[in-house]
Amino acid sequence: MGIDVRMLIRNVPRKMVTDEWLKEMSWRLCTAIGAEHFMIRDGLSHIEYQKAYAGWAAAWKAHALHARYEEVCNTLSPLCAPDSAREELQRLTTDIVADVGVRPTEMCLAIDRTLAWHRESCDPEPGSEYHEDSDKPIKAREGECLIEVNLAGRYYGEGYERGDILTYCAIAEWLETNIPRCEIWYGGDSSGVLAERFDDERRKSLRRHLYSTEGRAYFNRNWPLSQDEGLQPPACGLCPRRGYLGSQFGTGNGGVYAAFHCSGCGHSVETQDGGKTWAPRQRDAA
C-alpha cells in the first residue's frame, strides 16, 4: 500500500458550479494535461446512478442464489481459499449477473464536488465538506463549493518522493489560470498526510526538492537482499558509476524472486532463480 495523491480546489462560488461547468472544465483539463493522469469514467450521473444502483442492489439481494453467494463469500479467506470455493463463487456471480444485469456504472469526472461519488444517505451535501485522514473534515465557507481533483497517482513530498510532482504543479497552475481566485490544496489519502495550501511558493519548494540529490530518495531504500547474496542486477552502461543504481520493488518465493527498476534507463528486470540469471520483467516486455 502507498499514499495516493489528493487535490482540493477551494474558494469556488457555489453558484458557479453546475454539472455542465464541471463536465466542461474536466474535459478541458484532461485535454491540456492528459487524461491518463485522472480517474475518469463514463457512466450515469450521480443522481441517475443512485436510483439505478438501489434497484440493482435490491434485485441482487432478492435473487434465489444470493444466500448461497453470501455463504461462500463468508467462508473465503483472502490468502488460502480453496480453488473449488473460488470457482463456485465465480459461477454464482455469473448466474446472478445473467438475471439481474451488471452493476451500474457511475460517471467520474476529472474534477467534481467533494463527496459526490458512492454516496450514503447520511453523507453531507456534495461540495460542503472534504474528508481526509483526520477526524476534522474541511468544511466549505459560506457560499463556497469544495471541488476535488480526481487524480491517479502517488503523493509526492519530502520523505515520500514517489508521485509525479511536475504534473501536479501543472494541474494546479492550469486550475489557477482557469478558475479565477481559486485556492489549490494538496495532500494524501492516508498516513496523516493532510491537505495544505499548494500555492506558487509551495510548488517551487517541492520542485527544488525534486531537483536536488534527494529528489527521489524514497527509492534509495535498503532492502533485506544484499549485493553479496547475488540478488542485484548487473549494472548497465548507463549507470554513472560502478554498481547497479536501480531500486527493488518486488520480492517473493523465499527470496528466489526479485524485481528491480532503474529510472536512469527506464528498464525493469527480474530474476526467478535467486539472481543467477536476469531478464526483462515479463509484464513490461509484453
Protein backbone atom coordinates (compact mmCIF):
# COMPACT_ATOMS: atom_id res chain seq x y z
CA MET A 1 0.00 0.00 0.00
CA GLY A 2 1.06 3.60 -0.51
CA ILE A 3 -0.12 7.17 -0.14
CA ASP A 4 -2.23 8.33 -3.07
CA VAL A 5 -2.31 11.97 -4.07
CA ARG A 6 -5.33 14.19 -3.45
CA MET A 7 -6.01 17.75 -4.56
CA LEU A 8 -8.72 20.14 -3.41
CA ILE A 9 -9.97 23.32 -5.08
CA ARG A 10 -11.25 25.99 -2.69
CA ASN A 11 -12.77 29.46 -2.96
CA VAL A 12 -15.05 28.50 -5.85
CA PRO A 13 -18.52 30.15 -5.68
CA ARG A 14 -21.22 27.53 -5.29
CA LYS A 15 -23.50 29.34 -7.74
CA MET A 16 -20.85 28.91 -10.46
CA VAL A 17 -20.58 25.12 -10.06
CA THR A 18 -23.08 23.33 -12.29
CA ASP A 19 -22.95 19.83 -13.74
CA GLU A 20 -22.24 21.22 -17.21
CA TRP A 21 -19.50 23.52 -15.89
CA LEU A 22 -17.82 20.57 -14.16
CA LYS A 23 -18.01 18.46 -17.32
CA GLU A 24 -16.61 21.25 -19.48
CA MET A 25 -13.75 22.02 -17.08
CA SER A 26 -12.94 18.33 -16.67
CA TRP A 27 -12.74 17.84 -20.43
CA ARG A 28 -10.51 20.88 -20.87
CA LEU A 29 -8.23 19.83 -18.02
CA CYS A 30 -7.79 16.33 -19.45
CA THR A 31 -7.12 17.79 -22.88
CA ALA A 32 -4.43 20.13 -21.55
CA ILE A 33 -2.66 17.81 -19.08
CA GLY A 34 -3.53 14.31 -20.33
CA ALA A 35 -6.48 12.10 -19.42
CA GLU A 36 -4.16 9.37 -18.11
CA HIS A 37 -3.43 11.45 -15.01
CA PHE A 38 -7.04 11.38 -13.78
CA MET A 39 -9.54 8.79 -12.61
CA ILE A 40 -12.28 9.33 -15.17
CA ARG A 41 -15.04 7.01 -16.34
CA ASP A 42 -18.15 7.32 -18.46
CA GLY A 43 -21.42 6.30 -16.87
CA LEU A 44 -24.58 7.52 -15.21
CA SER A 45 -24.81 10.88 -13.49
CA HIS A 46 -24.65 10.74 -9.70
CA ILE A 47 -28.43 11.06 -9.28
CA GLU A 48 -29.17 8.52 -12.02
CA TYR A 49 -26.61 6.14 -10.56
CA GLN A 50 -28.07 6.25 -7.07
CA LYS A 51 -31.50 5.28 -8.39
CA ALA A 52 -30.15 2.59 -10.71
CA TYR A 53 -27.88 1.12 -8.05
CA ALA A 54 -30.67 0.93 -5.48
CA GLY A 55 -32.79 -1.10 -7.90
CA TRP A 56 -29.89 -3.32 -8.93
CA ALA A 57 -28.81 -4.00 -5.32
CA ALA A 58 -32.37 -4.93 -4.35
CA ALA A 59 -32.61 -7.38 -7.26
CA TRP A 60 -29.21 -8.87 -6.39
CA LYS A 61 -30.19 -9.49 -2.75
CA ALA A 62 -33.57 -10.92 -3.75
CA HIS A 63 -32.08 -13.47 -6.15
CA ALA A 64 -32.55 -17.12 -5.25
CA LEU A 65 -28.78 -17.73 -5.31
CA HIS A 66 -27.88 -14.76 -3.12
CA ALA A 67 -27.96 -16.68 0.16
CA ARG A 68 -25.50 -19.24 -1.18
CA TYR A 69 -23.35 -16.45 -2.63
CA GLU A 70 -23.09 -14.81 0.79
CA GLU A 71 -22.34 -18.15 2.43
CA VAL A 72 -19.44 -18.83 0.07
CA CYS A 73 -18.12 -15.28 0.46
CA ASN A 74 -18.08 -15.62 4.24
CA THR A 75 -16.04 -18.82 4.09
CA LEU A 76 -13.37 -17.46 1.76
CA SER A 77 -10.00 -16.47 3.16
CA PRO A 78 -8.11 -13.98 1.02
CA LEU A 79 -4.86 -15.92 1.49
CA CYS A 80 -5.80 -19.59 1.43
CA ALA A 81 -9.22 -20.03 -0.17
CA PRO A 82 -9.54 -23.37 -2.00
CA ASP A 83 -9.88 -23.22 -5.75
CA SER A 84 -13.23 -25.01 -5.56
CA ALA A 85 -14.73 -22.21 -3.45
CA ARG A 86 -13.40 -19.53 -5.78
CA GLU A 87 -14.78 -21.40 -8.78
CA GLU A 88 -18.19 -21.74 -7.12
CA LEU A 89 -18.23 -18.05 -6.30
CA GLN A 90 -17.44 -17.24 -9.92
CA ARG A 91 -20.28 -19.48 -11.13
CA LEU A 92 -22.73 -17.92 -8.68
CA THR A 93 -21.71 -14.42 -9.73
CA THR A 94 -22.12 -15.28 -13.40
CA ASP A 95 -25.56 -16.80 -12.85
CA ILE A 96 -26.84 -13.88 -10.77
CA VAL A 97 -25.50 -11.28 -13.20
CA ALA A 98 -27.18 -13.14 -16.06
CA ASP A 99 -30.52 -12.47 -14.37
CA VAL A 100 -30.11 -9.03 -12.76
CA GLY A 101 -27.51 -7.49 -15.06
CA VAL A 102 -24.14 -5.93 -14.30
CA ARG A 103 -23.75 -3.31 -11.62
CA PRO A 104 -24.50 0.22 -12.89
CA THR A 105 -21.52 2.45 -13.59
CA GLU A 106 -21.20 5.92 -12.06
CA MET A 107 -19.63 8.70 -14.11
CA CYS A 108 -16.32 10.02 -12.76
CA LEU A 109 -15.06 13.41 -13.89
CA ALA A 110 -11.55 14.82 -13.54
CA ILE A 111 -12.96 17.45 -11.18
CA ASP A 112 -16.16 17.10 -9.20
CA ARG A 113 -17.83 18.24 -6.00
CA THR A 114 -16.41 16.57 -2.91
CA LEU A 115 -18.43 13.62 -1.56
CA ALA A 116 -20.15 13.21 -4.92
CA TRP A 117 -19.24 9.54 -5.50
CA HIS A 118 -20.79 6.46 -3.89
CA ARG A 119 -22.95 8.48 -1.58
CA GLU A 120 -24.67 7.19 1.54
CA SER A 121 -27.91 8.61 2.89
CA CYS A 122 -26.09 10.16 5.87
CA ASP A 123 -23.43 11.95 3.80
CA PRO A 124 -23.26 15.77 3.89
CA GLU A 125 -24.27 17.68 0.78
CA PRO A 126 -21.79 17.32 -2.10
CA GLY A 127 -19.27 20.15 -2.07
CA SER A 128 -19.88 21.00 1.58
CA GLU A 129 -17.06 19.00 3.22
CA TYR A 130 -13.72 17.43 2.34
CA HIS A 131 -12.85 14.28 4.28
CA GLU A 132 -9.24 13.19 4.74
CA ASP A 133 -7.16 11.12 7.17
CA SER A 134 -8.36 13.18 10.11
CA ASP A 135 -11.39 13.36 12.39
CA LYS A 136 -11.88 17.02 11.41
CA PRO A 137 -13.17 17.49 7.86
CA ILE A 138 -12.53 20.69 5.94
CA LYS A 139 -15.86 22.50 5.70
CA ALA A 140 -16.92 24.87 2.97
CA ARG A 141 -17.05 28.56 3.75
CA GLU A 142 -20.30 30.42 3.20
CA GLY A 143 -21.20 30.36 -0.49
CA GLU A 144 -18.23 28.12 -1.33
CA CYS A 145 -18.27 24.77 -3.16
CA LEU A 146 -15.43 22.36 -2.42
CA ILE A 147 -14.16 20.60 -5.55
CA GLU A 148 -11.81 17.62 -5.68
CA VAL A 149 -9.42 16.77 -8.48
CA ASN A 150 -9.68 13.03 -9.07
CA LEU A 151 -6.03 12.27 -9.61
CA ALA A 152 -4.48 8.90 -10.44
CA GLY A 153 -1.06 8.66 -8.82
CA ARG A 154 1.03 8.66 -5.68
CA TYR A 155 1.64 11.59 -3.38
CA TYR A 156 4.97 13.44 -3.55
CA GLY A 157 6.52 15.22 -0.59
CA GLU A 158 9.68 15.43 1.48
CA GLY A 159 10.30 11.93 2.78
CA TYR A 160 7.85 10.38 0.31
CA GLU A 161 9.27 11.21 -3.11
CA ARG A 162 7.07 8.99 -5.27
CA GLY A 163 4.43 10.86 -7.30
CA ASP A 164 4.63 12.97 -10.45
CA ILE A 165 5.04 16.34 -8.76
CA LEU A 166 5.72 18.22 -12.01
CA THR A 167 2.33 17.13 -13.35
CA TYR A 168 0.65 18.07 -10.07
CA CYS A 169 2.21 21.52 -10.31
CA ALA A 170 1.00 21.89 -13.89
CA ILE A 171 -2.53 20.89 -12.86
CA ALA A 172 -2.54 23.47 -10.07
CA GLU A 173 -1.34 26.18 -12.44
CA TRP A 174 -3.98 25.26 -15.02
CA LEU A 175 -6.69 25.47 -12.37
CA GLU A 176 -5.47 28.83 -11.09
CA THR A 177 -5.47 30.14 -14.67
CA ASN A 178 -8.96 28.89 -15.50
CA ILE A 179 -10.76 29.37 -12.16
CA PRO A 180 -10.13 32.95 -11.03
CA ARG A 181 -9.21 33.47 -7.36
CA CYS A 182 -9.38 29.75 -6.54
CA GLU A 183 -7.11 28.14 -3.93
CA ILE A 184 -5.37 24.81 -4.55
CA TRP A 185 -4.77 22.47 -1.62
CA TYR A 186 -2.64 19.33 -1.84
CA GLY A 187 -2.20 16.23 0.30
CA GLY A 188 -2.53 12.46 0.51
CA ASP A 189 -5.20 9.89 1.25
CA SER A 190 -3.60 8.19 4.28
CA SER A 191 -0.76 8.16 6.84
CA GLY A 192 -1.84 11.51 8.24
CA VAL A 193 -0.82 13.44 5.12
CA LEU A 194 -3.33 16.27 5.27
CA ALA A 195 -4.20 18.93 2.70
CA GLU A 196 -2.19 22.13 2.76
CA ARG A 197 -2.03 25.21 0.55
CA PHE A 198 -0.38 24.37 -2.76
CA ASP A 199 0.43 27.89 -3.82
CA ASP A 200 3.30 29.03 -6.03
CA GLU A 201 5.82 29.12 -3.18
CA ARG A 202 4.98 25.60 -2.03
CA ARG A 203 5.19 24.29 -5.58
CA LYS A 204 8.59 25.92 -6.02
CA SER A 205 9.75 24.31 -2.77
CA LEU A 206 8.72 20.85 -3.90
CA ARG A 207 10.27 21.33 -7.33
CA ARG A 208 13.54 22.39 -5.71
CA HIS A 209 13.40 19.24 -3.59
CA LEU A 210 12.78 17.13 -6.70
CA TYR A 211 15.77 18.67 -8.47
CA SER A 212 18.08 18.00 -5.50
CA THR A 213 20.01 14.80 -4.89
CA GLU A 214 17.20 13.78 -2.52
CA GLY A 215 14.53 14.27 -5.17
CA ARG A 216 13.78 10.56 -5.41
CA ALA A 217 15.17 9.50 -2.04
CA TYR A 218 12.13 7.28 -1.38
CA PHE A 219 13.52 4.74 -3.81
CA ASN A 220 17.00 4.68 -2.27
CA ARG A 221 15.95 2.29 0.48
CA ASN A 222 17.90 -0.64 1.86
CA TRP A 223 16.22 -3.97 1.20
CA PRO A 224 16.89 -7.21 3.07
CA LEU A 225 18.58 -8.67 -0.01
CA SER A 226 22.18 -7.54 -0.37
CA GLN A 227 24.54 -7.47 -3.32
CA ASP A 228 26.70 -10.07 -1.61
CA GLU A 229 23.81 -12.50 -1.82
CA GLY A 230 23.71 -12.03 -5.58
CA LEU A 231 20.22 -10.58 -5.65
CA GLN A 232 21.02 -7.41 -7.51
CA PRO A 233 21.08 -6.98 -11.29
CA PRO A 234 24.31 -6.26 -13.11
CA ALA A 235 24.93 -2.62 -13.96
CA CYS A 236 24.34 -1.41 -17.49
CA GLY A 237 26.46 1.08 -19.38
CA LEU A 238 24.17 3.98 -18.45
CA CYS A 239 24.93 3.79 -14.72
CA PRO A 240 27.13 6.80 -13.86
CA ARG A 241 29.41 4.82 -11.51
CA ARG A 242 30.33 1.20 -10.96
CA GLY A 243 27.45 -0.78 -9.50
CA TYR A 244 23.73 -1.07 -10.09
CA LEU A 245 21.79 2.07 -9.15
CA GLY A 246 18.19 0.91 -9.56
CA SER A 247 15.77 0.10 -6.75
CA GLN A 248 13.98 -3.09 -5.80
CA PHE A 249 10.19 -3.13 -5.95
CA GLY A 250 9.37 -6.83 -5.77
CA THR A 251 10.42 -9.94 -3.86
CA GLY A 252 8.92 -13.34 -3.19
CA ASN A 253 9.18 -17.11 -3.22
CA GLY A 254 11.52 -17.14 -0.26
CA GLY A 255 13.88 -14.66 -1.84
CA VAL A 256 14.21 -16.59 -5.10
CA TYR A 257 12.19 -13.97 -6.99
CA ALA A 258 13.18 -10.31 -7.11
CA ALA A 259 12.34 -7.39 -9.38
CA PHE A 260 14.22 -4.12 -9.84
CA HIS A 261 13.61 -0.91 -11.77
CA CYS A 262 16.16 1.67 -12.87
CA SER A 263 14.83 5.16 -13.51
CA GLY A 264 18.06 6.10 -15.24
CA CYS A 265 17.37 3.82 -18.21
CA GLY A 266 13.68 3.05 -17.63
CA HIS A 267 14.16 -0.73 -17.62
CA SER A 268 12.72 -3.27 -15.17
CA VAL A 269 14.34 -6.67 -14.70
CA GLU A 270 13.54 -9.73 -12.63
CA THR A 271 15.09 -12.99 -11.52
CA GLN A 272 13.30 -16.28 -10.95
CA ASP A 273 16.36 -18.18 -9.68
CA GLY A 274 17.83 -16.15 -6.85
CA GLY A 275 19.91 -13.83 -9.01
CA LYS A 276 21.70 -16.39 -11.16
CA THR A 277 20.03 -15.00 -14.28
CA TRP A 278 18.18 -11.77 -15.04
CA ALA A 279 15.66 -10.95 -17.76
CA PRO A 280 13.35 -8.05 -18.69
CA ARG A 281 10.30 -8.12 -16.46
CA GLN A 282 7.66 -10.19 -18.25
CA ARG A 283 4.84 -7.70 -17.66
CA ASP A 284 6.91 -4.88 -19.13
CA ALA A 285 8.26 -6.96 -22.01
CA ALA A 286 4.72 -7.88 -23.07
